[in-house]
Amino acid sequence: MEEMTKGQKIIKFLKENLYLVVLGISAIIFAVLIIIASSTATTSKVNDNKTPVSVITTYYTPVLDATICKEFSATELQFNKTLNQWEAHKSIDFLASAGAEVRSITSGEVVDVFSNYLQGNVVKIQHANGLVSEYGSLSDDVKVKKGDKVSANAIIGYVSDSAANEAEDGNHLHFTMYNDNGKKIDPAGYLNISSK
């Protein structure tokens, strides 16, 4: 009887145990798919530096049934009727009726609540992804205080005309967003809004 070579032995084993081979390959493919799915399904994965690697966040419009009366503009000047001057407008102004609910665009922590003559009543919220949202020209009936945790779409205050630097615009929300470096950014890149 002729002795089988190593290659012939492997081929004979594979032929006799084909179902085991297919089962083993299937198990490996299944394990790889599970690893890939679990790594892409993570919504807030953190690396060793405590920096978010990927964040999936839903953003809500801060005022419903509002009209954008002044869009974000970092370089193109817009006329401020109240101050009678041209200026960059690094915020979005939502024109709405007095007392309209103002809601947090997403979950976070209230990092400041203050009032001054030019901005009126203001709430600032820090979000997990490094963004900060700021809600100005609120009524005196602010619903949150510094340190409060807020959920997405939670009521934080109400629209008013408390911002003296935009008094001619009437009742509106002066809404500003900052990136993780503290730079003002266009909220339209995050919110599902359009000019009416």
Protein backbone atom coordinates (compact mmCIF):
# COMPACT_ATOMS: atom_id res chain seq x y z
CA MET A 1 0.00 0.00 0.00
CA GLU A 2 1.27 3.34 -1.05
CA GLU A 3 1.84 5.89 1.75
CA MET A 4 -0.17 9.12 1.51
CA THR A 5 1.56 12.47 1.36
CA LYS A 6 0.74 15.17 3.88
CA GLY A 7 -1.31 17.08 1.28
CA GLN A 8 -3.29 13.96 0.40
CA LYS A 9 -4.01 13.35 4.08
CA ILE A 10 -5.35 16.88 4.45
CA ILE A 11 -7.56 16.50 1.36
CA LYS A 12 -8.87 13.14 2.63
CA PHE A 13 -9.64 14.68 6.05
CA LEU A 14 -11.45 17.62 4.43
CA LYS A 15 -13.54 15.31 2.24
CA GLU A 16 -14.49 13.08 5.16
CA ASN A 17 -15.22 16.00 7.52
CA LEU A 18 -16.58 18.64 5.18
CA TYR A 19 -19.44 19.53 7.50
CA LEU A 20 -16.98 20.25 10.33
CA VAL A 21 -14.92 22.50 8.08
CA VAL A 22 -18.00 24.43 6.92
CA LEU A 23 -19.21 24.69 10.51
CA GLY A 24 -15.82 26.02 11.69
CA ILE A 25 -15.61 28.62 8.91
CA SER A 26 -19.21 29.68 9.62
CA ALA A 27 -18.40 30.10 13.33
CA ILE A 28 -15.39 32.29 12.51
CA ILE A 29 -17.41 34.48 10.11
CA PHE A 30 -20.22 34.80 12.68
CA ALA A 31 -17.74 35.84 15.41
CA VAL A 32 -16.18 38.46 13.13
CA LEU A 33 -19.63 39.87 12.25
CA ILE A 34 -20.55 40.12 15.95
CA ILE A 35 -17.31 41.98 16.71
CA ILE A 36 -17.89 44.41 13.83
CA ALA A 37 -21.54 44.99 14.79
CA SER A 38 -20.75 45.62 18.45
CA SER A 39 -18.01 48.12 17.63
CA THR A 40 -20.22 50.13 15.24
CA ALA A 41 -23.33 50.00 17.44
CA THR A 42 -21.57 51.77 20.33
CA THR A 43 -23.05 55.25 20.61
CA SER A 44 -20.52 56.74 22.99
CA LYS A 45 -17.23 54.87 22.87
CA VAL A 46 -14.43 56.43 24.91
CA ASN A 47 -10.69 55.98 24.42
CA ASP A 48 -7.93 56.10 27.08
CA ASN A 49 -7.83 59.92 26.92
CA LYS A 50 -11.52 60.15 27.93
CA THR A 51 -12.30 61.73 24.56
CA PRO A 52 -15.48 60.64 22.74
CA VAL A 53 -14.61 58.57 19.69
CA SER A 54 -18.10 58.48 18.23
CA VAL A 55 -21.32 60.01 19.47
CA ILE A 56 -24.77 59.60 17.96
CA THR A 57 -27.03 62.35 19.26
CA THR A 58 -30.52 63.49 18.40
CA TYR A 59 -31.03 67.25 18.40
CA TYR A 60 -34.41 68.91 18.92
CA THR A 61 -35.45 72.36 17.71
CA PRO A 62 -35.41 74.66 20.77
CA VAL A 63 -38.71 76.40 19.93
CA LEU A 64 -41.59 74.86 17.99
CA ASP A 65 -43.74 76.88 15.59
CA ALA A 66 -41.14 79.63 15.36
CA THR A 67 -39.86 81.64 12.42
CA ILE A 68 -36.18 82.31 11.93
CA CYS A 69 -35.94 86.08 11.94
CA LYS A 70 -32.14 86.24 11.86
CA GLU A 71 -29.86 83.45 10.64
CA PHE A 72 -26.31 82.59 11.72
CA SER A 73 -23.66 84.64 9.98
CA ALA A 74 -19.98 84.51 10.89
CA THR A 75 -18.74 86.85 8.17
CA GLU A 76 -21.70 88.39 6.33
CA LEU A 77 -22.92 91.44 8.23
CA GLN A 78 -26.56 91.77 9.26
CA PHE A 79 -28.29 94.94 10.36
CA ASN A 80 -29.26 95.21 14.03
CA LYS A 81 -32.27 97.59 14.13
CA THR A 82 -32.03 98.08 17.88
CA LEU A 83 -28.36 99.11 17.92
CA ASN A 84 -28.59 100.74 14.47
CA GLN A 85 -25.45 98.97 13.26
CA TRP A 86 -24.18 96.21 10.98
CA GLU A 87 -22.71 93.18 12.75
CA ALA A 88 -21.91 89.49 12.44
CA HIS A 89 -24.70 87.40 13.96
CA LYS A 90 -23.19 84.17 15.30
CA SER A 91 -26.54 82.85 16.54
CA ILE A 92 -29.99 82.05 15.22
CA ASP A 93 -32.98 84.11 16.35
CA PHE A 94 -36.28 82.22 16.54
CA LEU A 95 -39.25 84.61 16.44
CA ALA A 96 -42.12 83.17 18.52
CA SER A 97 -44.98 84.34 20.68
CA ALA A 98 -44.26 85.45 24.25
CA GLY A 99 -44.34 82.46 26.57
CA ALA A 100 -43.59 79.84 23.90
CA GLU A 101 -41.73 76.90 25.46
CA VAL A 102 -37.95 76.80 25.03
CA ARG A 103 -36.51 73.28 25.17
CA SER A 104 -33.04 71.77 25.51
CA ILE A 105 -31.79 70.60 22.11
CA THR A 106 -30.38 67.44 23.72
CA SER A 107 -29.47 66.11 27.18
CA GLY A 108 -26.79 67.79 29.24
CA GLU A 109 -25.94 69.76 32.36
CA VAL A 110 -26.83 73.39 33.01
CA VAL A 111 -23.48 75.15 33.45
CA ASP A 112 -24.74 78.72 33.80
CA VAL A 113 -27.93 80.70 34.34
CA PHE A 114 -27.57 84.47 34.31
CA SER A 115 -29.24 87.72 33.40
CA ASN A 116 -27.84 90.94 32.00
CA TYR A 117 -29.25 93.99 30.27
CA LEU A 118 -28.09 93.17 26.73
CA GLN A 119 -28.82 89.41 26.56
CA GLY A 120 -31.72 89.19 28.98
CA ASN A 121 -32.15 85.89 30.83
CA VAL A 122 -29.76 83.21 29.58
CA VAL A 123 -29.28 79.45 30.14
CA LYS A 124 -26.12 77.57 29.02
CA ILE A 125 -26.10 73.77 28.76
CA GLN A 126 -23.00 71.57 28.35
CA HIS A 127 -23.63 68.42 26.31
CA ALA A 128 -21.75 65.10 26.47
CA ASN A 129 -20.22 65.54 23.01
CA GLY A 130 -18.44 68.79 23.96
CA LEU A 131 -21.03 71.13 22.48
CA VAL A 132 -22.59 73.93 24.50
CA SER A 133 -26.01 75.40 23.72
CA GLU A 134 -27.02 78.87 24.92
CA TYR A 135 -30.60 80.15 25.13
CA GLY A 136 -30.98 83.94 25.43
CA SER A 137 -33.84 86.44 25.72
CA LEU A 138 -35.79 84.11 28.03
CA SER A 139 -38.56 85.29 30.34
CA ASP A 140 -37.94 85.66 34.09
CA ASP A 141 -39.58 82.24 34.63
CA VAL A 142 -36.44 80.15 33.94
CA LYS A 143 -37.12 76.50 34.82
CA VAL A 144 -33.54 75.32 35.52
CA LYS A 145 -30.60 76.30 37.70
CA LYS A 146 -26.85 75.77 37.45
CA GLY A 147 -25.95 72.11 38.05
CA ASP A 148 -29.30 70.70 36.90
CA LYS A 149 -29.21 67.70 34.58
CA VAL A 150 -31.67 68.11 31.72
CA SER A 151 -33.00 65.54 29.31
CA ALA A 152 -33.35 66.10 25.59
CA ASN A 153 -36.38 68.26 24.74
CA ALA A 154 -36.90 69.31 28.41
CA ILE A 155 -38.52 72.72 28.99
CA ILE A 156 -35.89 75.14 30.32
CA GLY A 157 -37.72 78.46 29.95
CA TYR A 158 -39.98 80.63 27.80
CA VAL A 159 -39.57 83.07 24.93
CA SER A 160 -39.64 86.79 25.77
CA ASP A 161 -38.17 90.12 24.68
CA SER A 162 -35.72 90.39 27.61
CA ALA A 163 -32.64 90.91 25.37
CA ALA A 164 -32.26 94.69 25.16
CA ASN A 165 -29.65 94.47 22.36
CA GLU A 166 -32.36 93.03 20.06
CA ALA A 167 -35.47 94.70 21.52
CA GLU A 168 -36.70 95.80 18.07
CA ASP A 169 -36.98 92.12 17.08
CA GLY A 170 -39.68 91.51 19.69
CA ASN A 171 -40.25 88.17 21.42
CA HIS A 172 -37.66 85.67 20.26
CA LEU A 173 -35.10 83.08 21.36
CA HIS A 174 -31.49 84.11 20.74
CA PHE A 175 -29.91 80.65 20.27
CA THR A 176 -26.14 80.09 20.16
CA MET A 177 -24.01 76.94 19.94
CA TYR A 178 -20.32 76.51 20.79
CA ASN A 179 -18.00 73.67 19.79
CA ASP A 180 -15.68 71.92 22.26
CA ASN A 181 -13.09 74.71 21.73
CA GLY A 182 -15.57 77.43 22.73
CA LYS A 183 -15.99 78.75 19.18
CA LYS A 184 -19.48 79.82 18.07
CA ILE A 185 -20.80 77.48 15.37
CA ASP A 186 -23.83 77.43 13.09
CA PRO A 187 -26.71 75.61 14.85
CA ALA A 188 -28.27 74.81 11.46
CA GLY A 189 -25.61 72.11 11.07
CA TYR A 190 -27.16 70.25 14.00
CA LEU A 191 -30.83 71.20 14.06
CA ASN A 192 -33.47 70.21 11.54
CA ILE A 193 -34.60 73.76 10.75
CA SER A 194 -35.33 75.89 7.74
CA SER A 195 -36.14 79.54 7.22
CA LYS A 196 -39.86 80.28 6.92
